[in-house]
Amino acid sequence: LLELCLVLLVVVGVITAVLFSGLTLNLLAQAGEGAGIALLTDLLPSLLPTALAYSLPFGWLVTVSLVVGRWVNDHELTSLRAARVHVRVLALPVVALSAVLALVGLSIALYVVPAAQHSVREATRGQLSLFLTSLRDVNRSVTLGNGRMSFRRFEGGVFHDVELDRRDGEGRLETKALARTLDLKQITLQEGGSGLSIELREGYVLHAV
């Protein structure tokens, strides 16, 4: 049991570190390079439960494979059977620890991970200024949930020479907006939470027919 726990700590630590790094890079890619240390400080602790929820079952699988495999390769099982020790003496700690880890992983997945993901979503809604700061180069394009926004440059807190597309669920173009400038602001909704307000200037909107 001690050998299983030690190997489990090492394996889960390595897998969690890899997953945590991947989640961090994905978060930075979504928020933009301008997010920096402020975004990391606020959101990285909330990413750890998600990484742990994935690493715990895989880590236990690797741990059992390594430890039990060593028992077999070193003929420890054969020695125990020759000494008239039943195999359940070794199997019982493995099964018991598996049940405990299953309950822990289920609790994390049901209670901790949803709360952590909610915290990440709420925190990223407040990072509009960081997102806008990262948009400094020319010829940028931003993919939205149901469309795409492209612009020539971001200057003076507004987007210039903007083209905004909105598409339906099948990818067909519904609306196209062309404007000289676009101002993006964060607003507080009456029902709680926050949203975005888009203001177009010197432009027009085309509707597909």
C-alpha atoms as a PDB file:
ATOM      1  CA  LEU A   1       0.000   0.000   0.000  1.00  0.00           C
ATOM      2  CA  LEU A   2       2.850   2.393   0.800  1.00  0.00           C
ATOM      3  CA  GLU A   3       4.504   1.638  -2.530  1.00  0.00           C
ATOM      4  CA  LEU A   4       1.247   2.296  -4.359  1.00  0.00           C
ATOM      5  CA  CYS A   5       0.762   5.646  -2.603  1.00  0.00           C
ATOM      6  CA  LEU A   6       4.307   6.844  -3.284  1.00  0.00           C
ATOM      7  CA  VAL A   7       4.193   5.939  -6.968  1.00  0.00           C
ATOM      8  CA  LEU A   8       0.705   7.458  -7.236  1.00  0.00           C
ATOM      9  CA  LEU A   9       1.924  10.795  -5.860  1.00  0.00           C
ATOM     10  CA  VAL A  10       4.772  10.947  -8.365  1.00  0.00           C
ATOM     11  CA  VAL A  11       2.691   9.911 -11.391  1.00  0.00           C
ATOM     12  CA  VAL A  12      -0.282  12.134 -10.569  1.00  0.00           C
ATOM     13  CA  GLY A  13       2.084  15.048  -9.930  1.00  0.00           C
ATOM     14  CA  VAL A  14       3.697  14.680 -13.351  1.00  0.00           C
ATOM     15  CA  ILE A  15       0.398  14.250 -15.236  1.00  0.00           C
ATOM     16  CA  THR A  16      -1.228  17.135 -13.364  1.00  0.00           C
ATOM     17  CA  ALA A  17       1.709  19.401 -14.192  1.00  0.00           C
ATOM     18  CA  VAL A  18       1.441  18.554 -17.896  1.00  0.00           C
ATOM     19  CA  LEU A  19      -2.334  19.081 -17.996  1.00  0.00           C
ATOM     20  CA  PHE A  20      -2.066  22.251 -15.927  1.00  0.00           C
ATOM     21  CA  SER A  21       0.481  23.657 -18.376  1.00  0.00           C
ATOM     22  CA  GLY A  22      -1.776  22.824 -21.308  1.00  0.00           C
ATOM     23  CA  LEU A  23      -4.803  24.481 -19.674  1.00  0.00           C
ATOM     24  CA  THR A  24      -2.704  27.541 -18.880  1.00  0.00           C
ATOM     25  CA  LEU A  25      -1.477  27.902 -22.473  1.00  0.00           C
ATOM     26  CA  ASN A  26      -5.035  27.460 -23.752  1.00  0.00           C
ATOM     27  CA  LEU A  27      -6.291  30.139 -21.378  1.00  0.00           C
ATOM     28  CA  LEU A  28      -3.566  32.567 -22.435  1.00  0.00           C
ATOM     29  CA  ALA A  29      -4.308  31.853 -26.103  1.00  0.00           C
ATOM     30  CA  GLN A  30      -7.977  32.716 -25.570  1.00  0.00           C
ATOM     31  CA  ALA A  31      -7.323  35.817 -23.473  1.00  0.00           C
ATOM     32  CA  GLY A  32      -4.485  37.189 -25.578  1.00  0.00           C
ATOM     33  CA  GLU A  33      -0.879  37.974 -24.844  1.00  0.00           C
ATOM     34  CA  GLY A  34      -1.817  41.164 -23.020  1.00  0.00           C
ATOM     35  CA  ALA A  35      -3.426  39.222 -20.171  1.00  0.00           C
ATOM     36  CA  GLY A  36      -0.082  38.708 -18.460  1.00  0.00           C
ATOM     37  CA  ILE A  37       0.492  38.091 -14.787  1.00  0.00           C
ATOM     38  CA  ALA A  38      -2.810  39.600 -13.609  1.00  0.00           C
ATOM     39  CA  LEU A  39      -4.852  36.978 -15.438  1.00  0.00           C
ATOM     40  CA  LEU A  40      -2.586  34.153 -14.277  1.00  0.00           C
ATOM     41  CA  THR A  41      -2.831  35.197 -10.645  1.00  0.00           C
ATOM     42  CA  ASP A  42      -6.629  35.282 -10.736  1.00  0.00           C
ATOM     43  CA  LEU A  43      -7.397  32.190 -12.782  1.00  0.00           C
ATOM     44  CA  LEU A  44      -4.642  29.600 -12.447  1.00  0.00           C
ATOM     45  CA  PRO A  45      -5.792  28.305  -9.027  1.00  0.00           C
ATOM     46  CA  SER A  46      -9.177  27.538 -10.601  1.00  0.00           C
ATOM     47  CA  LEU A  47      -7.537  25.415 -13.315  1.00  0.00           C
ATOM     48  CA  LEU A  48      -5.939  22.998 -10.854  1.00  0.00           C
ATOM     49  CA  PRO A  49      -9.152  21.039  -9.989  1.00  0.00           C
ATOM     50  CA  THR A  50      -9.834  20.476 -13.690  1.00  0.00           C
ATOM     51  CA  ALA A  51      -6.329  19.138 -14.265  1.00  0.00           C
ATOM     52  CA  LEU A  52      -6.577  16.946 -11.162  1.00  0.00           C
ATOM     53  CA  ALA A  53      -9.926  15.493 -12.241  1.00  0.00           C
ATOM     54  CA  TYR A  54      -8.278  14.130 -15.401  1.00  0.00           C
ATOM     55  CA  SER A  55      -4.914  13.172 -13.933  1.00  0.00           C
ATOM     56  CA  LEU A  56      -6.210  11.179 -10.955  1.00  0.00           C
ATOM     57  CA  PRO A  57      -7.806   8.237 -12.842  1.00  0.00           C
ATOM     58  CA  PHE A  58      -5.028   8.055 -15.435  1.00  0.00           C
ATOM     59  CA  GLY A  59      -2.403   8.329 -12.716  1.00  0.00           C
ATOM     60  CA  TRP A  60      -3.936   5.461 -10.775  1.00  0.00           C
ATOM     61  CA  LEU A  61      -4.052   3.297 -13.907  1.00  0.00           C
ATOM     62  CA  VAL A  62      -0.366   3.947 -14.574  1.00  0.00           C
ATOM     63  CA  THR A  63       0.487   3.360 -10.909  1.00  0.00           C
ATOM     64  CA  VAL A  64      -1.220  -0.033 -10.754  1.00  0.00           C
ATOM     65  CA  SER A  65       0.397  -1.043 -14.037  1.00  0.00           C
ATOM     66  CA  LEU A  66       3.876  -0.113 -12.788  1.00  0.00           C
ATOM     67  CA  VAL A  67       3.639  -1.519  -9.261  1.00  0.00           C
ATOM     68  CA  VAL A  68       1.773  -4.734 -10.017  1.00  0.00           C
ATOM     69  CA  GLY A  69       3.922  -5.230 -13.098  1.00  0.00           C
ATOM     70  CA  ARG A  70       7.022  -5.041 -10.922  1.00  0.00           C
ATOM     71  CA  TRP A  71       5.518  -7.603  -8.536  1.00  0.00           C
ATOM     72  CA  VAL A  72       5.040  -9.986 -11.440  1.00  0.00           C
ATOM     73  CA  ASN A  73       8.460  -9.359 -13.027  1.00  0.00           C
ATOM     74  CA  ASP A  74      10.260  -9.817  -9.691  1.00  0.00           C
ATOM     75  CA  HIS A  75       8.317 -13.044  -9.020  1.00  0.00           C
ATOM     76  CA  GLU A  76       6.966 -11.667  -5.762  1.00  0.00           C
ATOM     77  CA  LEU A  77       3.563 -13.169  -6.459  1.00  0.00           C
ATOM     78  CA  THR A  78       5.146 -16.563  -7.039  1.00  0.00           C
ATOM     79  CA  SER A  79       7.073 -16.295  -3.760  1.00  0.00           C
ATOM     80  CA  LEU A  80       3.945 -15.372  -1.827  1.00  0.00           C
ATOM     81  CA  ARG A  81       1.971 -18.255  -3.280  1.00  0.00           C
ATOM     82  CA  ALA A  82       4.830 -20.611  -2.454  1.00  0.00           C
ATOM     83  CA  ALA A  83       4.657 -19.290   1.128  1.00  0.00           C
ATOM     84  CA  ARG A  84       0.892 -20.061   1.108  1.00  0.00           C
ATOM     85  CA  VAL A  85      -0.084 -16.376   1.213  1.00  0.00           C
ATOM     86  CA  HIS A  86      -3.324 -15.793  -0.644  1.00  0.00           C
ATOM     87  CA  VAL A  87      -3.316 -13.324  -3.536  1.00  0.00           C
ATOM     88  CA  ARG A  88      -6.117 -11.361  -1.891  1.00  0.00           C
ATOM     89  CA  VAL A  89      -3.561 -10.076   0.627  1.00  0.00           C
ATOM     90  CA  LEU A  90      -2.096  -8.005  -2.222  1.00  0.00           C
ATOM     91  CA  ALA A  91      -5.351  -7.430  -4.099  1.00  0.00           C
ATOM     92  CA  LEU A  92      -7.300  -6.045  -1.147  1.00  0.00           C
ATOM     93  CA  PRO A  93      -5.223  -2.846  -0.681  1.00  0.00           C
ATOM     94  CA  VAL A  94      -5.360  -2.192  -4.414  1.00  0.00           C
ATOM     95  CA  VAL A  95      -9.147  -2.609  -4.562  1.00  0.00           C
ATOM     96  CA  ALA A  96      -9.702  -0.566  -1.390  1.00  0.00           C
ATOM     97  CA  LEU A  97      -7.536   2.316  -2.582  1.00  0.00           C
ATOM     98  CA  SER A  98      -9.230   2.174  -5.981  1.00  0.00           C
ATOM     99  CA  ALA A  99     -12.625   2.621  -4.333  1.00  0.00           C
ATOM    100  CA  VAL A 100     -11.399   5.567  -2.251  1.00  0.00           C
ATOM    101  CA  LEU A 101      -9.846   7.285  -5.273  1.00  0.00           C
ATOM    102  CA  ALA A 102     -13.021   6.686  -7.284  1.00  0.00           C
ATOM    103  CA  LEU A 103     -15.079   8.497  -4.637  1.00  0.00           C
ATOM    104  CA  VAL A 104     -12.555  11.325  -4.442  1.00  0.00           C
ATOM    105  CA  GLY A 105     -12.461  11.724  -8.227  1.00  0.00           C
ATOM    106  CA  LEU A 106     -16.262  11.623  -8.451  1.00  0.00           C
ATOM    107  CA  SER A 107     -16.568  14.298  -5.775  1.00  0.00           C
ATOM    108  CA  ILE A 108     -14.066  16.522  -7.567  1.00  0.00           C
ATOM    109  CA  ALA A 109     -15.827  16.077 -10.914  1.00  0.00           C
ATOM    110  CA  LEU A 110     -19.314  16.754  -9.511  1.00  0.00           C
ATOM    111  CA  TYR A 111     -18.673  19.560  -7.062  1.00  0.00           C
ATOM    112  CA  VAL A 112     -15.215  21.115  -7.355  1.00  0.00           C
ATOM    113  CA  VAL A 113     -14.714  21.247 -11.138  1.00  0.00           C
ATOM    114  CA  PRO A 114     -18.065  22.967 -11.974  1.00  0.00           C
ATOM    115  CA  ALA A 115     -17.417  25.629  -9.339  1.00  0.00           C
ATOM    116  CA  ALA A 116     -13.858  26.154 -10.631  1.00  0.00           C
ATOM    117  CA  GLN A 117     -15.020  26.431 -14.248  1.00  0.00           C
ATOM    118  CA  HIS A 118     -17.687  28.930 -13.205  1.00  0.00           C
ATOM    119  CA  SER A 119     -15.011  30.997 -11.477  1.00  0.00           C
ATOM    120  CA  VAL A 120     -12.898  30.975 -14.649  1.00  0.00           C
ATOM    121  CA  ARG A 121     -15.855  32.111 -16.783  1.00  0.00           C
ATOM    122  CA  GLU A 122     -16.776  34.896 -14.391  1.00  0.00           C
ATOM    123  CA  ALA A 123     -13.188  36.085 -14.090  1.00  0.00           C
ATOM    124  CA  THR A 124     -12.550  36.115 -17.845  1.00  0.00           C
ATOM    125  CA  ARG A 125     -15.609  38.316 -18.343  1.00  0.00           C
ATOM    126  CA  GLY A 126     -13.779  40.975 -16.403  1.00  0.00           C
ATOM    127  CA  GLN A 127     -10.690  40.813 -18.611  1.00  0.00           C
ATOM    128  CA  LEU A 128     -12.051  42.910 -21.464  1.00  0.00           C
ATOM    129  CA  SER A 129      -9.468  45.641 -20.970  1.00  0.00           C
ATOM    130  CA  LEU A 130      -6.657  43.064 -21.079  1.00  0.00           C
ATOM    131  CA  PHE A 131      -8.121  41.548 -24.232  1.00  0.00           C
ATOM    132  CA  LEU A 132      -8.306  44.926 -25.934  1.00  0.00           C
ATOM    133  CA  THR A 133      -4.758  45.745 -24.898  1.00  0.00           C
ATOM    134  CA  SER A 134      -3.497  42.648 -26.680  1.00  0.00           C
ATOM    135  CA  LEU A 135      -5.015  43.732 -30.029  1.00  0.00           C
ATOM    136  CA  ARG A 136      -2.340  46.083 -31.287  1.00  0.00           C
ATOM    137  CA  ASP A 137      -1.203  44.605 -34.583  1.00  0.00           C
ATOM    138  CA  VAL A 138      -2.840  45.145 -37.954  1.00  0.00           C
ATOM    139  CA  ASN A 139      -4.935  42.751 -40.034  1.00  0.00           C
ATOM    140  CA  ARG A 140      -6.467  40.974 -37.051  1.00  0.00           C
ATOM    141  CA  SER A 141      -9.430  38.604 -37.072  1.00  0.00           C
ATOM    142  CA  VAL A 142     -11.464  37.360 -34.104  1.00  0.00           C
ATOM    143  CA  THR A 143     -13.626  34.232 -34.339  1.00  0.00           C
ATOM    144  CA  LEU A 144     -16.916  34.524 -32.450  1.00  0.00           C
ATOM    145  CA  GLY A 145     -19.380  31.861 -31.389  1.00  0.00           C
ATOM    146  CA  ASN A 146     -21.634  32.414 -34.413  1.00  0.00           C
ATOM    147  CA  GLY A 147     -19.503  34.498 -36.700  1.00  0.00           C
ATOM    148  CA  ARG A 148     -16.291  36.438 -37.218  1.00  0.00           C
ATOM    149  CA  MET A 149     -15.033  39.969 -36.722  1.00  0.00           C
ATOM    150  CA  SER A 150     -12.126  41.332 -38.730  1.00  0.00           C
ATOM    151  CA  PHE A 151     -10.555  44.776 -38.491  1.00  0.00           C
ATOM    152  CA  ARG A 152      -7.608  46.644 -39.918  1.00  0.00           C
ATOM    153  CA  ARG A 153      -6.232  48.027 -36.657  1.00  0.00           C
ATOM    154  CA  PHE A 154      -7.050  48.648 -32.996  1.00  0.00           C
ATOM    155  CA  GLU A 155      -6.212  52.188 -31.972  1.00  0.00           C
ATOM    156  CA  GLY A 156      -7.519  54.706 -29.459  1.00  0.00           C
ATOM    157  CA  GLY A 157      -9.627  52.085 -27.693  1.00  0.00           C
ATOM    158  CA  VAL A 158     -11.741  51.305 -30.789  1.00  0.00           C
ATOM    159  CA  PHE A 159     -11.535  48.988 -33.812  1.00  0.00           C
ATOM    160  CA  HIS A 160     -11.074  50.634 -37.210  1.00  0.00           C
ATOM    161  CA  ASP A 161     -12.337  49.432 -40.632  1.00  0.00           C
ATOM    162  CA  VAL A 162     -14.450  46.639 -39.182  1.00  0.00           C
ATOM    163  CA  GLU A 163     -16.262  43.795 -40.899  1.00  0.00           C
ATOM    164  CA  LEU A 164     -18.636  41.812 -38.658  1.00  0.00           C
ATOM    165  CA  ASP A 165     -20.326  38.589 -39.841  1.00  0.00           C
ATOM    166  CA  ARG A 166     -23.083  36.624 -38.140  1.00  0.00           C
ATOM    167  CA  ARG A 167     -23.977  33.118 -39.306  1.00  0.00           C
ATOM    168  CA  ASP A 168     -26.677  30.577 -38.488  1.00  0.00           C
ATOM    169  CA  GLY A 169     -26.176  27.088 -37.100  1.00  0.00           C
ATOM    170  CA  GLU A 170     -25.403  25.681 -40.556  1.00  0.00           C
ATOM    171  CA  GLY A 171     -22.773  28.304 -41.324  1.00  0.00           C
ATOM    172  CA  ARG A 172     -24.886  30.406 -43.713  1.00  0.00           C
ATOM    173  CA  LEU A 173     -24.340  34.149 -43.602  1.00  0.00           C
ATOM    174  CA  GLU A 174     -27.238  35.993 -41.947  1.00  0.00           C
ATOM    175  CA  THR A 175     -25.933  39.507 -41.355  1.00  0.00           C
ATOM    176  CA  LYS A 176     -22.854  41.454 -42.415  1.00  0.00           C
ATOM    177  CA  ALA A 177     -21.951  44.792 -40.843  1.00  0.00           C
ATOM    178  CA  LEU A 178     -19.355  47.160 -42.306  1.00  0.00           C
ATOM    179  CA  ALA A 179     -18.289  50.142 -40.237  1.00  0.00           C
ATOM    180  CA  ARG A 180     -15.553  52.728 -39.990  1.00  0.00           C
ATOM    181  CA  THR A 181     -15.140  52.134 -36.253  1.00  0.00           C
ATOM    182  CA  LEU A 182     -16.462  49.731 -33.627  1.00  0.00           C
ATOM    183  CA  ASP A 183     -16.501  50.451 -29.891  1.00  0.00           C
ATOM    184  CA  LEU A 184     -16.644  47.458 -27.554  1.00  0.00           C
ATOM    185  CA  LYS A 185     -17.680  48.035 -23.929  1.00  0.00           C
ATOM    186  CA  GLN A 186     -18.437  45.833 -20.975  1.00  0.00           C
ATOM    187  CA  ILE A 187     -21.861  46.303 -19.345  1.00  0.00           C
ATOM    188  CA  THR A 188     -23.606  44.913 -16.277  1.00  0.00           C
ATOM    189  CA  LEU A 189     -26.827  43.008 -16.968  1.00  0.00           C
ATOM    190  CA  GLN A 190     -29.961  43.534 -14.913  1.00  0.00           C
ATOM    191  CA  GLU A 191     -30.329  39.830 -14.188  1.00  0.00           C
ATOM    192  CA  GLY A 192     -26.753  39.674 -12.973  1.00  0.00           C
ATOM    193  CA  GLY A 193     -23.438  38.994 -14.631  1.00  0.00           C
ATOM    194  CA  SER A 194     -21.887  41.023 -17.416  1.00  0.00           C
ATOM    195  CA  GLY A 195     -22.091  41.344 -21.175  1.00  0.00           C
ATOM    196  CA  LEU A 196     -20.692  43.288 -24.126  1.00  0.00           C
ATOM    197  CA  SER A 197     -22.096  46.342 -25.866  1.00  0.00           C
ATOM    198  CA  ILE A 198     -21.131  46.867 -29.531  1.00  0.00           C
ATOM    199  CA  GLU A 199     -21.454  50.335 -31.075  1.00  0.00           C
ATOM    200  CA  LEU A 200     -20.855  50.817 -34.811  1.00  0.00           C
ATOM    201  CA  ARG A 201     -20.110  54.220 -36.332  1.00  0.00           C
ATOM    202  CA  GLU A 202     -20.185  55.283 -39.978  1.00  0.00           C
ATOM    203  CA  GLY A 203     -21.369  51.925 -41.202  1.00  0.00           C
ATOM    204  CA  TYR A 204     -24.262  49.914 -42.552  1.00  0.00           C
ATOM    205  CA  VAL A 205     -25.752  46.460 -42.061  1.00  0.00           C
ATOM    206  CA  LEU A 206     -26.626  43.954 -44.814  1.00  0.00           C
ATOM    207  CA  HIS A 207     -29.168  41.179 -44.230  1.00  0.00           C
ATOM    208  CA  ALA A 208     -29.185  37.974 -46.279  1.00  0.00           C
ATOM    209  CA  VAL A 209     -32.444  37.188 -48.120  1.00  0.00           C
END
